[in-house]
Amino acid sequence: MTTLGFTYIYTDNIKEMKKFYTSLLGLDLIWDETDSIAFKIGSHQFSIIYHESFEIPSAHFAMQPGWEGGTYPRTSWSLDYDSTNFIKVIRQLSANGVRSYYAAPQWNGYWSYPVLDPMNNTIEVTCTDADYIEQHK
């Protein structure tokens, strides 16, 4: 069996990325240093590393299979939440003025709410919780 162990992305602002991924997306910090932070998502470690010469890409949403919204061919990912945390995260993102593709979550066979993080990475916040889907479809 093969598993995805680690992902590394870069930033020129650790403080903003830490706030976004902890306070807004609710991820648990497992590593917190001056120049790097990391989160455990399932069995995967997602690491963000400071680099002074990192250049923030343009503020365009990434293309994702099955979604017509994104226009740029770049890496993106999804975070799937249970219904309680999905609602909480959407409220946090909205209240903090995070750029989202939709004004509200959209039904795409699951609930979808693509956003841009402070480095303009596309993160699709999703909910596949069956109870939530039945109540809000």
N, C-alpha and C. Protein backbone atom coordinates (compact mmCIF):
# COMPACT_ATOMS: atom_id res chain seq x y z
N MET A 1 0.85 -1.19 0.00
CA MET A 1 0.00 0.00 0.00
C MET A 1 0.88 1.24 0.00
N THR A 2 0.54 2.19 -0.82
CA THR A 2 1.26 3.45 -0.89
C THR A 2 0.39 4.55 -0.32
N THR A 3 0.99 5.44 0.45
CA THR A 3 0.26 6.59 0.99
C THR A 3 1.04 7.86 0.66
N LEU A 4 0.33 8.96 0.60
CA LEU A 4 0.96 10.26 0.41
C LEU A 4 1.41 10.74 1.77
N GLY A 5 2.70 10.90 1.97
CA GLY A 5 3.22 11.24 3.29
C GLY A 5 3.29 12.72 3.58
N PHE A 6 3.93 13.48 2.70
CA PHE A 6 4.19 14.89 2.97
C PHE A 6 3.93 15.73 1.72
N THR A 7 3.46 16.95 1.94
CA THR A 7 3.38 17.96 0.89
C THR A 7 4.05 19.21 1.44
N TYR A 8 4.85 19.86 0.60
CA TYR A 8 5.55 21.08 1.00
C TYR A 8 5.15 22.20 0.05
N ILE A 9 4.71 23.32 0.62
CA ILE A 9 4.46 24.51 -0.19
C ILE A 9 5.23 25.66 0.44
N TYR A 10 5.34 26.76 -0.29
CA TYR A 10 6.15 27.88 0.16
C TYR A 10 5.33 29.15 0.30
N THR A 11 5.88 30.07 1.08
CA THR A 11 5.21 31.33 1.38
C THR A 11 6.25 32.41 1.62
N ASP A 12 5.83 33.65 1.51
CA ASP A 12 6.68 34.75 1.96
C ASP A 12 6.10 35.36 3.24
N ASN A 13 5.05 34.71 3.80
CA ASN A 13 4.42 35.23 5.01
C ASN A 13 3.86 34.07 5.85
N ILE A 14 4.69 33.54 6.71
CA ILE A 14 4.28 32.42 7.58
C ILE A 14 3.12 32.83 8.48
N LYS A 15 3.16 34.05 9.01
CA LYS A 15 2.12 34.50 9.94
C LYS A 15 0.72 34.45 9.30
N GLU A 16 0.59 34.95 8.08
CA GLU A 16 -0.71 34.94 7.39
C GLU A 16 -1.16 33.52 7.06
N MET A 17 -0.23 32.68 6.64
CA MET A 17 -0.58 31.29 6.32
C MET A 17 -1.00 30.54 7.57
N LYS A 18 -0.30 30.78 8.67
CA LYS A 18 -0.65 30.13 9.94
C LYS A 18 -2.06 30.53 10.36
N LYS A 19 -2.38 31.82 10.29
CA LYS A 19 -3.72 32.29 10.64
C LYS A 19 -4.77 31.63 9.74
N PHE A 20 -4.52 31.61 8.45
CA PHE A 20 -5.49 31.07 7.50
C PHE A 20 -5.77 29.60 7.78
N TYR A 21 -4.72 28.81 7.92
CA TYR A 21 -4.91 27.36 8.06
C TYR A 21 -5.34 26.94 9.47
N THR A 22 -5.00 27.72 10.49
CA THR A 22 -5.44 27.36 11.85
C THR A 22 -6.76 28.03 12.19
N SER A 23 -6.79 29.36 12.18
CA SER A 23 -7.98 30.09 12.63
C SER A 23 -9.16 29.98 11.67
N LEU A 24 -8.89 29.97 10.38
CA LEU A 24 -9.99 29.97 9.42
C LEU A 24 -10.38 28.57 8.95
N LEU A 25 -9.39 27.72 8.66
CA LEU A 25 -9.70 26.36 8.21
C LEU A 25 -9.75 25.36 9.35
N GLY A 26 -9.29 25.74 10.53
CA GLY A 26 -9.40 24.88 11.70
C GLY A 26 -8.46 23.69 11.73
N LEU A 27 -7.34 23.76 11.00
CA LEU A 27 -6.40 22.64 11.01
C LEU A 27 -5.54 22.68 12.27
N ASP A 28 -5.14 21.51 12.73
CA ASP A 28 -4.31 21.39 13.93
C ASP A 28 -2.84 21.49 13.58
N LEU A 29 -2.18 22.46 14.18
CA LEU A 29 -0.75 22.69 13.98
C LEU A 29 0.04 21.60 14.70
N ILE A 30 0.96 20.94 14.01
CA ILE A 30 1.81 19.93 14.65
C ILE A 30 3.28 20.34 14.66
N TRP A 31 3.59 21.41 13.95
CA TRP A 31 4.95 21.93 13.88
C TRP A 31 4.84 23.44 13.76
N ASP A 32 5.59 24.17 14.57
CA ASP A 32 5.48 25.63 14.57
C ASP A 32 6.84 26.24 14.86
N GLU A 33 7.55 26.58 13.81
CA GLU A 33 8.85 27.22 13.92
C GLU A 33 8.79 28.58 13.22
N THR A 34 9.81 29.38 13.38
CA THR A 34 9.86 30.71 12.78
C THR A 34 9.70 30.66 11.26
N ASP A 35 10.31 29.66 10.63
CA ASP A 35 10.32 29.62 9.17
C ASP A 35 9.54 28.45 8.57
N SER A 36 8.81 27.71 9.40
CA SER A 36 7.99 26.62 8.85
C SER A 36 6.91 26.21 9.84
N ILE A 37 5.80 25.75 9.27
CA ILE A 37 4.69 25.22 10.06
C ILE A 37 4.20 23.95 9.36
N ALA A 38 3.51 23.11 10.11
CA ALA A 38 2.97 21.88 9.50
C ALA A 38 1.68 21.49 10.19
N PHE A 39 0.85 20.79 9.44
CA PHE A 39 -0.45 20.32 9.90
C PHE A 39 -0.58 18.85 9.56
N LYS A 40 -1.29 18.11 10.40
CA LYS A 40 -1.61 16.71 10.12
C LYS A 40 -3.04 16.68 9.59
N ILE A 41 -3.22 16.14 8.40
CA ILE A 41 -4.54 16.01 7.79
C ILE A 41 -4.70 14.53 7.47
N GLY A 42 -5.47 13.82 8.29
CA GLY A 42 -5.53 12.37 8.18
C GLY A 42 -4.16 11.82 8.50
N SER A 43 -3.59 11.03 7.61
CA SER A 43 -2.24 10.51 7.83
C SER A 43 -1.20 11.33 7.06
N HIS A 44 -1.62 12.42 6.48
CA HIS A 44 -0.77 13.26 5.63
C HIS A 44 -0.24 14.46 6.40
N GLN A 45 1.02 14.83 6.17
CA GLN A 45 1.57 16.05 6.75
C GLN A 45 1.68 17.11 5.67
N PHE A 46 1.04 18.24 5.93
CA PHE A 46 1.02 19.39 5.03
C PHE A 46 1.92 20.46 5.63
N SER A 47 3.03 20.77 4.97
CA SER A 47 4.02 21.70 5.51
C SER A 47 4.09 22.97 4.68
N ILE A 48 4.28 24.09 5.37
CA ILE A 48 4.41 25.39 4.72
C ILE A 48 5.73 25.99 5.18
N ILE A 49 6.55 26.39 4.22
CA ILE A 49 7.91 26.83 4.51
C ILE A 49 8.11 28.25 3.99
N TYR A 50 8.72 29.08 4.83
CA TYR A 50 9.04 30.45 4.44
C TYR A 50 10.24 30.45 3.50
N HIS A 51 10.16 31.29 2.45
CA HIS A 51 11.32 31.55 1.60
C HIS A 51 11.23 33.01 1.16
N GLU A 52 12.27 33.76 1.44
CA GLU A 52 12.25 35.20 1.19
C GLU A 52 12.04 35.57 -0.28
N SER A 53 12.44 34.71 -1.20
CA SER A 53 12.28 35.05 -2.61
C SER A 53 11.04 34.41 -3.25
N PHE A 54 10.16 33.85 -2.41
CA PHE A 54 8.92 33.28 -2.95
C PHE A 54 8.10 34.38 -3.61
N GLU A 55 7.61 34.12 -4.79
CA GLU A 55 6.76 35.08 -5.50
C GLU A 55 5.34 34.56 -5.54
N ILE A 56 4.42 35.35 -5.00
CA ILE A 56 3.01 34.95 -4.94
C ILE A 56 2.45 34.91 -6.36
N PRO A 57 1.84 33.77 -6.74
CA PRO A 57 1.23 33.69 -8.07
C PRO A 57 0.01 34.62 -8.18
N SER A 58 -0.43 34.85 -9.38
CA SER A 58 -1.60 35.69 -9.61
C SER A 58 -2.82 35.11 -8.90
N ALA A 59 -3.76 35.99 -8.59
CA ALA A 59 -4.96 35.60 -7.84
C ALA A 59 -6.02 35.03 -8.77
N HIS A 60 -5.73 33.87 -9.34
CA HIS A 60 -6.67 33.17 -10.20
C HIS A 60 -6.91 31.78 -9.63
N PHE A 61 -8.11 31.28 -9.80
CA PHE A 61 -8.44 29.95 -9.30
C PHE A 61 -7.87 28.88 -10.22
N ALA A 62 -7.40 27.80 -9.62
CA ALA A 62 -6.84 26.68 -10.38
C ALA A 62 -7.94 25.88 -11.06
N MET A 63 -7.58 25.29 -12.19
CA MET A 63 -8.49 24.36 -12.87
C MET A 63 -8.54 23.07 -12.05
N GLN A 64 -9.73 22.52 -11.91
CA GLN A 64 -9.90 21.23 -11.24
C GLN A 64 -10.83 20.38 -12.09
N PRO A 65 -10.53 19.10 -12.25
CA PRO A 65 -11.42 18.23 -13.03
C PRO A 65 -12.85 18.26 -12.49
N GLY A 66 -13.82 18.36 -13.38
CA GLY A 66 -15.22 18.35 -12.98
C GLY A 66 -15.75 19.70 -12.53
N TRP A 67 -14.89 20.72 -12.53
CA TRP A 67 -15.30 22.05 -12.08
C TRP A 67 -14.92 23.03 -13.17
N GLU A 68 -15.86 23.81 -13.62
CA GLU A 68 -15.63 24.74 -14.72
C GLU A 68 -15.10 26.09 -14.27
N GLY A 69 -14.94 26.30 -12.98
CA GLY A 69 -14.62 27.63 -12.48
C GLY A 69 -13.19 28.09 -12.65
N GLY A 70 -12.23 27.24 -12.33
CA GLY A 70 -10.84 27.65 -12.38
C GLY A 70 -10.33 27.78 -13.80
N THR A 71 -9.39 28.69 -14.00
CA THR A 71 -8.87 28.94 -15.34
C THR A 71 -7.37 28.75 -15.46
N TYR A 72 -6.67 28.54 -14.36
CA TYR A 72 -5.21 28.44 -14.41
C TYR A 72 -4.74 27.03 -14.08
N PRO A 73 -3.82 26.48 -14.88
CA PRO A 73 -3.30 25.14 -14.62
C PRO A 73 -2.23 25.17 -13.52
N ARG A 74 -2.67 25.00 -12.29
CA ARG A 74 -1.74 24.97 -11.17
C ARG A 74 -2.27 24.01 -10.12
N THR A 75 -1.43 23.67 -9.19
CA THR A 75 -1.79 22.72 -8.14
C THR A 75 -2.88 23.30 -7.24
N SER A 76 -3.82 22.45 -6.85
CA SER A 76 -4.86 22.83 -5.90
C SER A 76 -5.21 21.59 -5.10
N TRP A 77 -6.02 21.75 -4.06
CA TRP A 77 -6.41 20.60 -3.25
C TRP A 77 -7.74 20.88 -2.57
N SER A 78 -8.33 19.83 -2.04
CA SER A 78 -9.61 19.93 -1.34
C SER A 78 -9.44 19.51 0.11
N LEU A 79 -10.22 20.11 0.97
CA LEU A 79 -10.33 19.70 2.37
C LEU A 79 -11.79 19.39 2.63
N ASP A 80 -12.07 18.17 3.04
CA ASP A 80 -13.44 17.72 3.26
C ASP A 80 -13.78 17.78 4.75
N TYR A 81 -14.89 18.42 5.09
CA TYR A 81 -15.30 18.62 6.48
C TYR A 81 -16.63 17.92 6.75
N ASP A 82 -16.83 17.55 8.01
CA ASP A 82 -18.16 17.10 8.41
C ASP A 82 -19.07 18.32 8.44
N SER A 83 -20.37 18.11 8.58
CA SER A 83 -21.32 19.21 8.44
C SER A 83 -21.11 20.33 9.45
N THR A 84 -20.85 20.00 10.70
CA THR A 84 -20.66 21.02 11.73
C THR A 84 -19.46 21.90 11.40
N ASN A 85 -18.35 21.29 11.08
CA ASN A 85 -17.14 22.06 10.79
C ASN A 85 -17.21 22.76 9.43
N PHE A 86 -17.91 22.20 8.48
CA PHE A 86 -18.09 22.85 7.18
C PHE A 86 -18.77 24.20 7.36
N ILE A 87 -19.86 24.22 8.09
CA ILE A 87 -20.60 25.46 8.33
C ILE A 87 -19.72 26.46 9.06
N LYS A 88 -19.01 26.01 10.08
CA LYS A 88 -18.12 26.87 10.86
C LYS A 88 -17.02 27.47 9.98
N VAL A 89 -16.39 26.65 9.17
CA VAL A 89 -15.29 27.11 8.31
C VAL A 89 -15.80 28.11 7.27
N ILE A 90 -16.94 27.84 6.65
CA ILE A 90 -17.50 28.77 5.66
C ILE A 90 -17.78 30.12 6.31
N ARG A 91 -18.33 30.11 7.50
CA ARG A 91 -18.61 31.37 8.21
C ARG A 91 -17.32 32.13 8.51
N GLN A 92 -16.29 31.41 8.96
CA GLN A 92 -15.00 32.04 9.27
C GLN A 92 -14.39 32.66 8.02
N LEU A 93 -14.39 31.91 6.93
CA LEU A 93 -13.81 32.42 5.69
C LEU A 93 -14.56 33.66 5.21
N SER A 94 -15.88 33.60 5.23
CA SER A 94 -16.70 34.74 4.79
C SER A 94 -16.49 35.96 5.67
N ALA A 95 -16.49 35.75 6.99
CA ALA A 95 -16.34 36.85 7.93
C ALA A 95 -14.97 37.53 7.82
N ASN A 96 -13.99 36.80 7.32
CA ASN A 96 -12.64 37.35 7.20
C ASN A 96 -12.30 37.81 5.79
N GLY A 97 -13.31 37.88 4.93
CA GLY A 97 -13.12 38.43 3.60
C GLY A 97 -12.24 37.62 2.68
N VAL A 98 -12.16 36.31 2.91
CA VAL A 98 -11.35 35.45 2.05
C VAL A 98 -12.00 35.37 0.67
N ARG A 99 -11.18 35.49 -0.35
CA ARG A 99 -11.71 35.44 -1.72
C ARG A 99 -12.21 34.03 -2.03
N SER A 100 -13.48 33.96 -2.41
CA SER A 100 -14.10 32.68 -2.75
C SER A 100 -14.63 32.76 -4.18
N TYR A 101 -14.73 31.60 -4.81
CA TYR A 101 -15.24 31.58 -6.18
C TYR A 101 -16.75 31.81 -6.21
N TYR A 102 -17.44 31.23 -5.23
CA TYR A 102 -18.89 31.38 -5.11
C TYR A 102 -19.21 32.25 -3.89
N ALA A 103 -20.35 32.92 -3.93
CA ALA A 103 -20.79 33.69 -2.77
C ALA A 103 -21.21 32.76 -1.63
N ALA A 104 -21.67 31.58 -1.98
CA ALA A 104 -22.10 30.58 -1.00
C ALA A 104 -21.74 29.20 -1.56
N PRO A 105 -21.65 28.19 -0.70
CA PRO A 105 -21.34 26.84 -1.20
C PRO A 105 -22.31 26.41 -2.30
N GLN A 106 -21.78 25.69 -3.27
CA GLN A 106 -22.57 25.22 -4.41
C GLN A 106 -22.61 23.70 -4.42
N TRP A 107 -23.72 23.16 -4.90
CA TRP A 107 -23.88 21.72 -5.01
C TRP A 107 -23.23 21.24 -6.31
N ASN A 108 -22.23 20.36 -6.21
CA ASN A 108 -21.55 19.77 -7.37
C ASN A 108 -21.47 18.25 -7.19
N GLY A 109 -22.52 17.65 -6.66
CA GLY A 109 -22.47 16.24 -6.27
C GLY A 109 -21.99 16.11 -4.83
N TYR A 110 -21.57 17.20 -4.28
CA TYR A 110 -21.17 17.42 -2.88
C TYR A 110 -21.16 18.94 -2.72
N TRP A 111 -21.05 19.43 -1.51
CA TRP A 111 -21.02 20.88 -1.31
C TRP A 111 -19.60 21.38 -1.51
N SER A 112 -19.46 22.44 -2.30
CA SER A 112 -18.16 22.95 -2.72
C SER A 112 -18.07 24.45 -2.48
N TYR A 113 -16.92 24.88 -1.95
CA TYR A 113 -16.67 26.30 -1.70
C TYR A 113 -15.18 26.59 -1.93
N PRO A 114 -14.78 26.82 -3.19
CA PRO A 114 -13.37 27.09 -3.48
C PRO A 114 -12.95 28.48 -3.00
N VAL A 115 -11.77 28.54 -2.37
CA VAL A 115 -11.21 29.79 -1.87
C VAL A 115 -9.74 29.88 -2.26
N LEU A 116 -9.19 31.09 -2.12
CA LEU A 116 -7.75 31.30 -2.29
C LEU A 116 -7.12 31.57 -0.94
N ASP A 117 -6.01 30.89 -0.66
CA ASP A 117 -5.29 31.17 0.58
C ASP A 117 -4.43 32.42 0.37
N PRO A 118 -3.70 32.90 1.39
CA PRO A 118 -2.92 34.13 1.24
C PRO A 118 -1.85 34.08 0.14
N MET A 119 -1.47 32.90 -0.31
CA MET A 119 -0.49 32.77 -1.40
C MET A 119 -1.17 32.44 -2.72
N ASN A 120 -2.48 32.60 -2.76
CA ASN A 120 -3.31 32.36 -3.95
C ASN A 120 -3.36 30.90 -4.40
N ASN A 121 -3.17 29.98 -3.45
CA ASN A 121 -3.42 28.57 -3.72
C ASN A 121 -4.92 28.34 -3.66
N THR A 122 -5.45 27.54 -4.56
CA THR A 122 -6.88 27.20 -4.55
C THR A 122 -7.11 26.03 -3.61
N ILE A 123 -7.98 26.24 -2.63
CA ILE A 123 -8.40 25.18 -1.72
C ILE A 123 -9.90 25.04 -1.87
N GLU A 124 -10.36 23.85 -2.23
CA GLU A 124 -11.79 23.61 -2.32
C GLU A 124 -12.25 23.05 -0.98
N VAL A 125 -13.02 23.85 -0.25
CA VAL A 125 -13.60 23.41 1.02
C VAL A 125 -14.86 22.64 0.66
N THR A 126 -14.93 21.37 1.09
CA THR A 126 -16.05 20.52 0.69
C THR A 126 -16.73 19.88 1.89
N CYS A 127 -17.95 19.41 1.63
CA CYS A 127 -18.68 18.61 2.61
C CYS A 127 -19.36 17.47 1.87
N THR A 128 -18.99 16.25 2.24
CA THR A 128 -19.62 15.06 1.66
C THR A 128 -20.44 14.33 2.72
N ASP A 129 -20.66 14.98 3.85
CA ASP A 129 -21.44 14.42 4.95
C ASP A 129 -22.87 14.14 4.45
N ALA A 130 -23.28 12.89 4.45
CA ALA A 130 -24.58 12.48 3.88
C ALA A 130 -25.76 13.21 4.53
N ASP A 131 -25.75 13.37 5.85
CA ASP A 131 -26.85 14.06 6.53
C ASP A 131 -26.96 15.51 6.07
N TYR A 132 -25.83 16.20 5.98
CA TYR A 132 -25.83 17.59 5.54
C TYR A 132 -26.31 17.69 4.10
N ILE A 133 -25.84 16.79 3.27
CA ILE A 133 -26.23 16.80 1.86
C ILE A 133 -27.74 16.64 1.72
N GLU A 134 -28.32 15.71 2.44
CA GLU A 134 -29.77 15.49 2.35
C GLU A 134 -30.56 16.70 2.82
N GLN A 135 -30.09 17.40 3.84
CA GLN A 135 -30.80 18.56 4.37
C GLN A 135 -30.69 19.78 3.47
N HIS A 136 -29.61 19.90 2.70
CA HIS A 136 -29.34 21.13 1.97
C HIS A 136 -29.29 21.00 0.46
N LYS A 137 -29.58 19.84 -0.06
CA LYS A 137 -29.53 19.61 -1.50
C LYS A 137 -30.63 20.34 -2.22
